[in-house]
Protein backbone atom coordinates (compact mmCIF):
# COMPACT_ATOMS: atom_id res chain seq x y z
CA MET A 1 -20.08 -5.55 18.54
CA ARG A 2 -18.89 -7.35 15.42
CA PRO A 3 -15.31 -7.05 14.30
CA VAL A 4 -16.27 -5.95 10.81
CA ASP A 5 -19.32 -3.72 10.32
CA ARG A 6 -21.32 -4.71 7.30
CA ARG A 7 -22.18 -1.08 6.60
CA LEU A 8 -18.47 -0.21 6.17
CA LEU A 9 -18.00 -3.29 3.90
CA ARG A 10 -20.66 -1.72 1.58
CA GLU A 11 -18.73 1.47 1.43
CA ALA A 12 -15.52 -0.35 0.79
CA GLY A 13 -16.78 -1.75 -2.40
CA ALA A 14 -16.08 1.59 -4.17
CA ALA A 15 -12.38 1.30 -3.12
CA ARG A 16 -11.98 -2.41 -4.10
CA GLY A 17 -9.71 -1.66 -7.11
CA TYR A 18 -7.45 0.61 -5.02
CA LEU A 19 -7.22 -2.03 -2.25
CA ALA A 20 -6.22 -4.68 -4.83
CA VAL A 21 -3.49 -2.46 -6.05
CA THR A 22 -2.35 -1.76 -2.52
CA SER A 23 -2.21 -5.48 -1.70
CA GLY A 24 -0.43 -6.30 -4.98
CA LEU A 25 2.27 -3.65 -4.34
CA GLY A 26 2.50 -4.98 -0.76
CA LEU A 27 3.29 -8.35 -2.08
CA ALA A 28 5.69 -7.05 -4.73
CA GLY A 29 7.53 -5.20 -1.86
CA ALA A 30 7.73 -8.41 0.17
CA ALA A 31 9.19 -10.34 -2.62
CA LEU A 32 11.69 -7.48 -3.35
CA ILE A 33 12.75 -7.75 0.27
CA LEU A 34 13.43 -11.39 -0.14
CA LEU A 35 15.43 -10.68 -3.20
CA GLN A 36 17.35 -7.84 -1.38
CA ALA A 37 18.29 -10.28 1.30
CA ASP A 38 19.56 -12.82 -1.28
CA LEU A 39 21.62 -10.15 -3.03
CA LEU A 40 23.02 -8.86 0.10
CA SER A 41 24.08 -12.40 1.24
CA ARG A 42 25.76 -12.90 -2.06
CA ALA A 43 27.63 -9.51 -1.85
CA LEU A 44 28.76 -10.17 1.69
CA ALA A 45 29.81 -13.70 0.99
CA GLY A 46 31.80 -12.46 -2.02
CA ALA A 47 33.39 -9.81 0.04
CA ALA A 48 34.32 -12.22 2.78
CA ARG A 49 36.01 -14.39 0.15
CA GLY A 50 37.98 -11.35 -0.96
CA THR A 51 36.30 -10.80 -4.30
CA GLY A 52 36.99 -7.37 -5.56
CA THR A 53 34.33 -4.85 -6.26
CA GLY A 54 34.74 -5.44 -10.06
CA ALA A 55 33.29 -8.99 -9.66
CA LEU A 56 30.66 -7.81 -7.29
CA ALA A 57 29.53 -4.89 -9.65
CA TRP A 58 26.67 -6.83 -11.10
CA ILE A 59 25.31 -7.76 -7.60
CA LEU A 60 25.64 -4.16 -6.40
CA ALA A 61 23.81 -2.89 -9.51
CA TRP A 62 21.03 -5.39 -9.10
CA LEU A 63 20.77 -4.34 -5.49
CA GLY A 64 20.35 -0.70 -6.48
CA VAL A 65 17.58 -1.77 -8.86
CA VAL A 66 15.83 -3.71 -6.09
CA LEU A 67 16.02 -0.90 -3.76
CA ALA A 68 14.49 1.43 -6.34
CA GLY A 69 11.79 -1.13 -6.93
CA GLN A 70 11.14 -1.18 -3.23
CA ALA A 71 10.87 2.52 -3.11
CA VAL A 72 8.37 2.57 -6.14
CA ALA A 73 6.31 -0.17 -4.64
CA ALA A 74 6.08 1.61 -1.28
CA ALA A 75 5.22 4.92 -2.72
CA GLY A 76 2.56 3.36 -5.06
CA GLY A 77 0.99 1.35 -2.27
CA GLU A 78 0.87 4.48 -0.03
CA ALA A 79 -0.71 6.42 -2.85
CA ALA A 80 -3.30 3.77 -3.60
CA ALA A 81 -4.20 3.36 0.13
CA LEU A 82 -4.65 7.09 0.58
CA ARG A 83 -6.90 7.22 -2.62
CA ALA A 84 -8.94 4.23 -1.28
CA ALA A 85 -9.46 6.06 1.99
CA ALA A 86 -10.44 9.20 0.15
CA VAL A 87 -12.96 7.37 -1.96
CA VAL A 88 -14.53 5.71 1.12
CA LYS A 89 -14.66 9.07 3.10
CA SER A 90 -16.15 10.83 0.07
CA GLY A 91 -18.91 8.15 -0.14
CA LEU A 92 -19.69 8.45 3.52
CA ARG A 93 -19.79 12.26 3.42
CA ARG A 94 -22.09 12.17 0.36
CA ARG A 95 -24.50 9.78 2.19
CA LEU A 96 -24.44 11.91 5.38
CA SER A 97 -25.12 15.12 3.34
CA ALA A 98 -27.96 13.36 1.52
CA GLN A 99 -29.39 12.19 4.92
CA VAL A 100 -29.09 15.71 6.42
CA LEU A 101 -30.81 17.27 3.46
CA ARG A 102 -33.50 14.62 3.58
CA LEU A 103 -34.31 15.36 7.17
CA GLY A 104 -34.11 19.07 6.77
CA PRO A 105 -34.21 21.16 10.10
CA ARG A 106 -35.29 18.20 11.99
CA TRP A 107 -31.77 16.79 11.99
CA LEU A 108 -30.89 19.34 14.76
CA ARG A 109 -33.47 17.49 17.01
CA CYS A 110 -32.17 14.09 16.20
CA ARG A 111 -28.97 14.73 18.20
């Protein structure tokens, strides 16, 4: 058995755009995680030096923006992945229904 079935690759063509969006949002989420780590390290280093919250306000504000961006990227990626799965399943169901209708009552004997 092959690791990837070519018949499924044909069906995945309909969801190619959704898969590209999902991948792009995943990469954006990864970049935001790196930015979050950088901002957290700066905030913690400033707090360890005794810098007040007034001086750290911009870092904390940017950290909030990054966290909101991560939430948007995760939700968008999840929605695009679910839509891609729905498109593929719909295509498979359509092909199955067409095959059953093409066979007519004989499909009962094919089992």
